[in-house]
C-alpha atoms as a PDB file:
ATOM      1  CA  MET A   1     -33.464  11.368 -41.200  1.00  0.00           C
ATOM      2  CA  ASP A   2     -33.282  14.155 -38.658  1.00  0.00           C
ATOM      3  CA  ARG A   3     -36.656  15.683 -37.872  1.00  0.00           C
ATOM      4  CA  SER A   4     -37.207  18.730 -35.735  1.00  0.00           C
ATOM      5  CA  TYR A   5     -40.440  20.043 -34.360  1.00  0.00           C
ATOM      6  CA  CYS A   6     -41.880  23.150 -32.822  1.00  0.00           C
ATOM      7  CA  TYR A   7     -44.936  23.358 -30.633  1.00  0.00           C
ATOM      8  CA  TYR A   8     -48.115  23.962 -32.627  1.00  0.00           C
ATOM      9  CA  ALA A   9     -48.936  26.837 -30.266  1.00  0.00           C
ATOM     10  CA  ASP A  10     -45.576  28.427 -31.120  1.00  0.00           C
ATOM     11  CA  TRP A  11     -46.299  28.031 -34.844  1.00  0.00           C
ATOM     12  CA  ARG A  12     -49.771  29.591 -34.439  1.00  0.00           C
ATOM     13  CA  LEU A  13     -48.506  32.450 -32.307  1.00  0.00           C
ATOM     14  CA  ASN A  14     -45.254  33.240 -34.114  1.00  0.00           C
ATOM     15  CA  GLY A  15     -45.819  31.828 -37.627  1.00  0.00           C
ATOM     16  CA  GLY A  16     -42.711  32.478 -39.646  1.00  0.00           C
ATOM     17  CA  ALA A  17     -40.714  33.266 -36.523  1.00  0.00           C
ATOM     18  CA  ALA A  18     -41.427  29.882 -34.865  1.00  0.00           C
ATOM     19  CA  ARG A  19     -38.239  28.087 -33.814  1.00  0.00           C
ATOM     20  CA  PHE A  20     -37.571  24.363 -33.991  1.00  0.00           C
ATOM     21  CA  PHE A  21     -36.146  22.011 -31.340  1.00  0.00           C
ATOM     22  CA  ARG A  22     -32.451  21.240 -31.902  1.00  0.00           C
ATOM     23  CA  HIS A  23     -32.433  23.764 -34.788  1.00  0.00           C
ATOM     24  CA  PRO A  24     -33.022  27.203 -33.282  1.00  0.00           C
ATOM     25  CA  GLU A  25     -31.544  28.817 -36.415  1.00  0.00           C
ATOM     26  CA  THR A  26     -34.443  27.377 -38.483  1.00  0.00           C
ATOM     27  CA  THR A  27     -37.604  29.470 -38.660  1.00  0.00           C
ATOM     28  CA  GLY A  28     -41.084  28.800 -39.968  1.00  0.00           C
ATOM     29  CA  ASP A  29     -40.240  31.025 -42.944  1.00  0.00           C
ATOM     30  CA  ASP A  30     -37.294  28.744 -43.788  1.00  0.00           C
ATOM     31  CA  VAL A  31     -39.561  25.692 -43.733  1.00  0.00           C
ATOM     32  CA  ILE A  32     -42.202  27.283 -45.986  1.00  0.00           C
ATOM     33  CA  ARG A  33     -39.552  28.583 -48.407  1.00  0.00           C
ATOM     34  CA  THR A  34     -37.997  25.106 -48.677  1.00  0.00           C
ATOM     35  CA  ALA A  35     -41.407  23.466 -49.172  1.00  0.00           C
ATOM     36  CA  ARG A  36     -42.375  25.921 -51.912  1.00  0.00           C
ATOM     37  CA  ALA A  37     -39.084  25.326 -53.734  1.00  0.00           C
ATOM     38  CA  MET A  38     -39.554  21.559 -53.490  1.00  0.00           C
ATOM     39  CA  ILE A  39     -43.107  21.752 -54.876  1.00  0.00           C
ATOM     40  CA  ALA A  40     -41.977  24.053 -57.708  1.00  0.00           C
ATOM     41  CA  ARG A  41     -39.268  21.506 -58.679  1.00  0.00           C
ATOM     42  CA  GLU A  42     -41.792  18.669 -58.591  1.00  0.00           C
ATOM     43  CA  ILE A  43     -44.209  20.641 -60.810  1.00  0.00           C
ATOM     44  CA  THR A  44     -41.367  21.365 -63.254  1.00  0.00           C
ATOM     45  CA  ASP A  45     -40.456  17.656 -63.269  1.00  0.00           C
ATOM     46  CA  GLY A  46     -44.075  16.770 -64.113  1.00  0.00           C
ATOM     47  CA  LEU A  47     -44.808  15.031 -60.839  1.00  0.00           C
ATOM     48  CA  TRP A  48     -47.972  17.098 -60.254  1.00  0.00           C
ATOM     49  CA  ARG A  49     -50.927  17.142 -62.596  1.00  0.00           C
END
């Protein structure tokens, strides 16, 4: 599994505009959008109570 990281300071300073190592096209907004979609699917599938 490929994992990419940004510096916490970058995340705090730039939030949704933070960029990730080896994936400069990925922003913090992309990560949050993907996480929200994943959680919504899990709620729909009944995995959350």
